[in-house]
Protein backbone atom coordinates (compact mmCIF):
# COMPACT_ATOMS: atom_id res chain seq x y z
CA UNK A 1 148.34 156.21 75.33
CA UNK A 2 148.42 152.61 74.15
CA UNK A 3 147.49 151.13 70.85
CA UNK A 4 143.90 149.92 71.30
CA UNK A 5 143.24 148.07 68.04
CA UNK A 6 144.65 147.29 64.61
CA UNK A 7 143.42 146.03 61.26
CA UNK A 8 145.08 144.67 58.14
CA UNK A 9 143.65 145.14 54.65
CA UNK A 10 145.02 144.67 51.11
CA UNK A 11 145.11 147.36 48.46
CA UNK A 12 144.33 145.92 45.00
CA UNK A 13 142.93 148.64 42.72
CA UNK A 14 140.08 146.29 41.75
CA UNK A 15 138.65 146.51 45.27
CA UNK A 16 137.22 149.83 44.04
CA UNK A 17 134.07 148.97 42.01
CA UNK A 18 134.57 151.89 39.62
CA UNK A 19 137.90 150.38 38.60
CA UNK A 20 136.69 146.78 38.43
CA UNK A 21 133.73 147.46 36.15
CA UNK A 22 131.89 144.27 35.23
CA UNK A 23 134.35 142.25 37.33
CA UNK A 24 133.41 144.09 40.54
CA UNK A 25 131.30 141.21 41.95
CA UNK A 26 134.38 138.98 41.92
CA UNK A 27 135.75 140.87 44.93
CA UNK A 28 132.47 141.41 46.79
CA UNK A 29 133.60 139.12 49.62
CA UNK A 30 136.89 140.97 49.99
CA UNK A 31 135.12 144.34 49.95
CA UNK A 32 132.66 143.20 52.63
CA UNK A 33 135.43 141.79 54.84
CA UNK A 34 137.47 144.98 54.54
CA UNK A 35 134.45 147.16 55.35
CA UNK A 36 133.72 145.07 58.44
CA UNK A 37 137.34 145.16 59.60
CA UNK A 38 137.54 148.94 59.23
CA UNK A 39 134.20 149.42 61.00
CA UNK A 40 135.47 147.28 63.87
CA UNK A 41 138.66 149.33 64.02
CA UNK A 42 136.74 152.61 64.13
CA UNK A 43 134.48 151.27 66.89
CA UNK A 44 137.49 150.59 69.14
CA UNK A 45 137.38 153.94 70.91
CA UNK A 46 140.50 155.24 69.20
CA UNK A 47 140.66 158.99 68.69
CA UNK A 48 143.53 158.77 66.22
CA UNK A 49 143.78 156.34 63.31
CA UNK A 50 147.21 155.82 61.73
CA UNK A 51 147.27 154.33 58.24
CA UNK A 52 150.54 152.69 57.17
CA UNK A 53 151.20 151.47 53.63
CA UNK A 54 153.95 150.88 51.12
CA UNK A 55 155.32 153.81 49.14
CA UNK A 56 158.46 154.98 47.39
CA UNK A 57 159.85 156.44 50.63
CA UNK A 58 159.46 156.20 54.38
CA UNK A 59 157.80 159.35 55.69
CA UNK A 60 154.82 160.72 57.56
CA UNK A 61 152.71 162.53 54.97
CA UNK A 62 151.25 166.00 55.40
CA UNK A 63 147.62 166.37 56.49
CA UNK A 64 145.06 166.61 54.87
CA UNK A 65 145.28 163.84 52.28
CA UNK A 66 144.13 163.62 48.69
CA UNK A 67 144.67 161.28 45.77
CA UNK A 68 143.08 159.99 42.59
CA UNK A 69 142.54 156.58 41.02
CA UNK A 70 142.95 158.11 37.55
CA UNK A 71 146.27 156.27 36.95
CA UNK A 72 144.38 152.99 37.49
CA UNK A 73 141.55 153.78 35.09
CA UNK A 74 138.92 155.99 36.75
CA UNK A 75 138.99 159.71 37.68
CA UNK A 76 137.81 158.97 41.21
CA UNK A 77 139.24 161.38 43.78
CA UNK A 78 139.58 160.45 47.44
CA UNK A 79 140.09 162.85 50.33
CA UNK A 80 140.74 162.21 53.99
CA UNK A 81 140.46 165.15 56.35
CA UNK A 82 140.00 168.87 55.79
CA UNK A 83 142.22 171.74 56.90
CA UNK A 84 140.34 174.86 58.07
CA UNK A 85 142.91 177.12 56.40
CA UNK A 86 142.66 175.36 53.06
CA UNK A 87 146.15 173.88 53.20
CA UNK A 88 146.55 171.21 50.51
CA UNK A 89 148.67 168.74 52.52
CA UNK A 90 149.53 165.60 50.57
CA UNK A 91 148.28 165.56 46.98
CA UNK A 92 149.01 162.22 45.34
CA UNK A 93 148.79 159.33 47.78
CA UNK A 94 150.55 156.04 46.95
CA UNK A 95 148.15 153.25 46.02
CA UNK A 96 148.27 151.56 49.43
CA UNK A 97 147.26 154.74 51.29
CA UNK A 98 144.82 155.76 48.58
CA UNK A 99 142.89 152.49 49.05
CA UNK A 100 143.17 152.96 52.82
CA UNK A 101 141.58 156.41 52.55
CA UNK A 102 138.89 154.99 50.26
CA UNK A 103 138.05 152.30 52.81
CA UNK A 104 137.91 154.79 55.68
CA UNK A 105 135.59 157.02 53.68
CA UNK A 106 133.21 154.08 53.25
CA UNK A 107 132.92 153.57 57.02
CA UNK A 108 132.95 156.91 58.79
CA UNK A 109 133.47 156.91 62.61
CA UNK A 110 130.80 158.24 64.94
CA UNK A 111 133.24 160.24 67.08
CA UNK A 112 135.71 162.88 65.82
CA UNK A 113 138.87 161.20 64.58
CA UNK A 114 142.38 162.44 63.86
CA UNK A 115 144.03 160.90 60.79
CA UNK A 116 147.71 160.21 60.19
CA UNK A 117 149.21 158.57 57.10
CA UNK A 118 152.66 157.04 56.86
CA UNK A 119 154.34 155.56 53.80
CA UNK A 120 157.00 152.89 54.25
CA UNK A 121 159.59 152.04 51.63
CA UNK A 122 159.49 148.46 50.37
CA UNK A 123 163.16 147.98 51.28
CA UNK A 124 162.92 149.42 54.80
CA UNK A 125 164.92 147.15 57.15
CA UNK A 126 163.04 145.09 59.72
CA UNK A 127 164.62 146.93 62.65
CA UNK A 128 163.55 150.32 61.34
CA UNK A 129 160.01 149.12 60.64
CA UNK A 130 159.72 147.82 64.20
CA UNK A 131 161.25 150.95 65.69
CA UNK A 132 158.97 153.17 63.63
CA UNK A 133 155.93 151.26 64.83
CA UNK A 134 157.12 151.60 68.40
CA UNK A 135 157.28 155.38 68.09
CA UNK A 136 153.76 155.79 66.75
CA UNK A 137 152.13 155.70 70.17
CA UNK A 138 153.90 158.70 71.62
CA UNK A 139 150.92 161.06 71.36
CA UNK A 140 148.40 161.47 74.17
CA UNK A 141 145.34 159.83 72.61
CA UNK A 142 144.18 156.23 72.31
CA UNK A 143 144.99 155.21 68.77
CA UNK A 144 144.43 152.48 66.21
CA UNK A 145 146.48 151.27 63.27
CA UNK A 146 145.36 150.27 59.78
CA UNK A 147 148.15 148.38 57.98
CA UNK A 148 147.70 148.16 54.22
CA UNK A 149 149.49 145.41 52.32
CA UNK A 150 149.19 142.46 49.94
CA UNK A 151 150.80 139.05 50.26
CA UNK A 152 152.74 137.22 47.59
CA UNK A 153 151.90 137.93 43.95
CA UNK A 154 153.29 134.56 42.84
CA UNK A 155 150.35 132.15 43.12
CA UNK A 156 150.04 130.42 39.75
CA UNK A 157 151.29 130.96 36.23
CA UNK A 158 148.77 133.77 35.68
CA UNK A 159 149.96 135.73 38.71
CA UNK A 160 151.76 139.07 38.26
CA UNK A 161 154.96 137.43 39.55
CA UNK A 162 154.32 134.12 37.79
CA UNK A 163 154.33 130.93 39.88
CA UNK A 164 156.69 130.42 42.81
CA UNK A 165 156.31 127.28 44.97
CA UNK A 166 157.50 129.22 48.02
CA UNK A 167 154.50 131.56 47.94
CA UNK A 168 152.02 129.18 49.58
CA UNK A 169 154.15 128.53 52.66
CA UNK A 170 155.05 132.21 52.98
CA UNK A 171 151.43 133.35 52.93
CA UNK A 172 150.29 130.58 55.25
CA UNK A 173 152.88 131.86 57.70
CA UNK A 174 151.53 135.39 57.39
CA UNK A 175 147.95 134.19 57.88
CA UNK A 176 148.96 132.27 61.00
CA UNK A 177 150.82 135.26 62.41
CA UNK A 178 147.83 137.53 61.83
CA UNK A 179 145.38 135.02 63.30
CA UNK A 180 147.53 134.59 66.42
CA UNK A 181 148.49 138.27 66.74
CA UNK A 182 152.08 137.05 66.65
CA UNK A 183 154.29 140.12 66.37
CA UNK A 184 157.48 138.07 66.52
CA UNK A 185 156.43 135.97 63.54
CA UNK A 186 155.72 139.09 61.47
CA UNK A 187 159.08 140.55 62.45
CA UNK A 188 160.66 137.29 61.28
CA UNK A 189 159.54 137.80 57.67
CA UNK A 190 162.64 137.97 55.49
CA UNK A 191 162.87 141.15 53.39
CA UNK A 192 164.80 139.39 50.61
CA UNK A 193 162.35 136.53 50.24
CA UNK A 194 159.45 138.96 50.52
CA UNK A 195 160.83 140.99 47.62
CA UNK A 196 161.36 137.87 45.51
CA UNK A 197 157.74 136.86 46.12
CA UNK A 198 156.55 140.39 45.32
CA UNK A 199 155.00 140.91 48.75
CA UNK A 200 153.74 144.48 49.22
CA UNK A 201 152.76 144.10 52.87
CA UNK A 202 156.01 143.04 54.56
CA UNK A 203 157.11 146.47 55.79
CA UNK A 204 153.64 147.71 56.92
CA UNK A 205 153.02 144.42 58.76
CA UNK A 206 156.33 144.83 60.56
CA UNK A 207 155.37 148.39 61.56
CA UNK A 208 152.21 146.86 63.04
CA UNK A 209 154.29 144.25 64.86
CA UNK A 210 156.59 146.93 66.29
CA UNK A 211 153.61 148.98 67.47
CA UNK A 212 151.94 146.00 69.16
CA UNK A 213 155.17 144.92 70.80
CA UNK A 214 155.82 148.43 72.12
CA UNK A 215 152.23 148.70 73.39
CA UNK A 216 152.64 145.48 75.38
CA UNK A 217 149.84 143.39 76.85
CA UNK A 218 148.03 140.44 75.35
CA UNK A 219 146.48 140.56 71.90
CA UNK A 220 144.04 138.37 70.03
CA UNK A 221 143.83 138.19 66.26
CA UNK A 222 141.21 137.15 63.75
CA UNK A 223 141.55 136.66 59.99
CA UNK A 224 138.26 137.23 58.19
CA UNK A 225 139.54 136.88 54.63
CA UNK A 226 142.40 134.86 53.10
CA UNK A 227 142.29 134.24 49.37
CA UNK A 228 144.50 134.68 46.32
CA UNK A 229 142.29 135.91 43.47
CA UNK A 230 144.26 136.84 40.38
CA UNK A 231 147.30 135.08 41.87
CA UNK A 232 147.86 137.63 44.67
CA UNK A 233 147.31 136.79 48.35
CA UNK A 234 144.99 139.13 50.23
CA UNK A 235 144.40 139.13 53.99
CA UNK A 236 141.87 140.97 56.12
CA UNK A 237 142.44 140.78 59.86
CA UNK A 238 141.76 142.50 63.16
CA UNK A 239 143.89 142.67 66.29
CA UNK A 240 142.34 143.62 69.60
CA UNK A 241 143.44 143.57 73.21
CA UNK A 242 142.56 140.40 75.10
């Protein structure tokens, strides 16, 4: 069955109010945009939702899923899915998938949904990202994809990666590709430059591009959030079939 919808969200720890503390209102707009994008994704009719995010390896993780935000300052546990036999599954999600699970728990679907979580190594080659995305639709259910990833962390001298004049053009290119549902443009993102600009979303976005390209048909995109608070570029977007 084809891919029916996709969404893109960032994964800063401070999107979680319990981690942000008094600074939580600073990301209210991002939180609202991400909630709306996920709700739109879950309303697409998909029976399976695949979450893809950066990790220390490329692998499909074992269901069900569990993780904690304790390493980022709050003992907040997140779970996604339950196994009737009590099997633990994956215990210790990478940050990208942990935030993805947190977002999905905030907006629960009306219909029963199957969850899958896939981590992608930051240095995964473009061709393998695209091929991996193309293989995701091999199961016999309509499915949707949530791609978790941040843009460049080099916007300004206070940014985690300090200031890099290439960051603005890079992230404008990403925003344009997401707004136009341009899979080819996402696949054209250079892994070397992405690493230099401390981009966490390059590989997950290219998995999305590979999935959309394999699914075929016409797509329309919409970017609902594009800002760089704290010197890191964050995007929220939806892709739907035209």
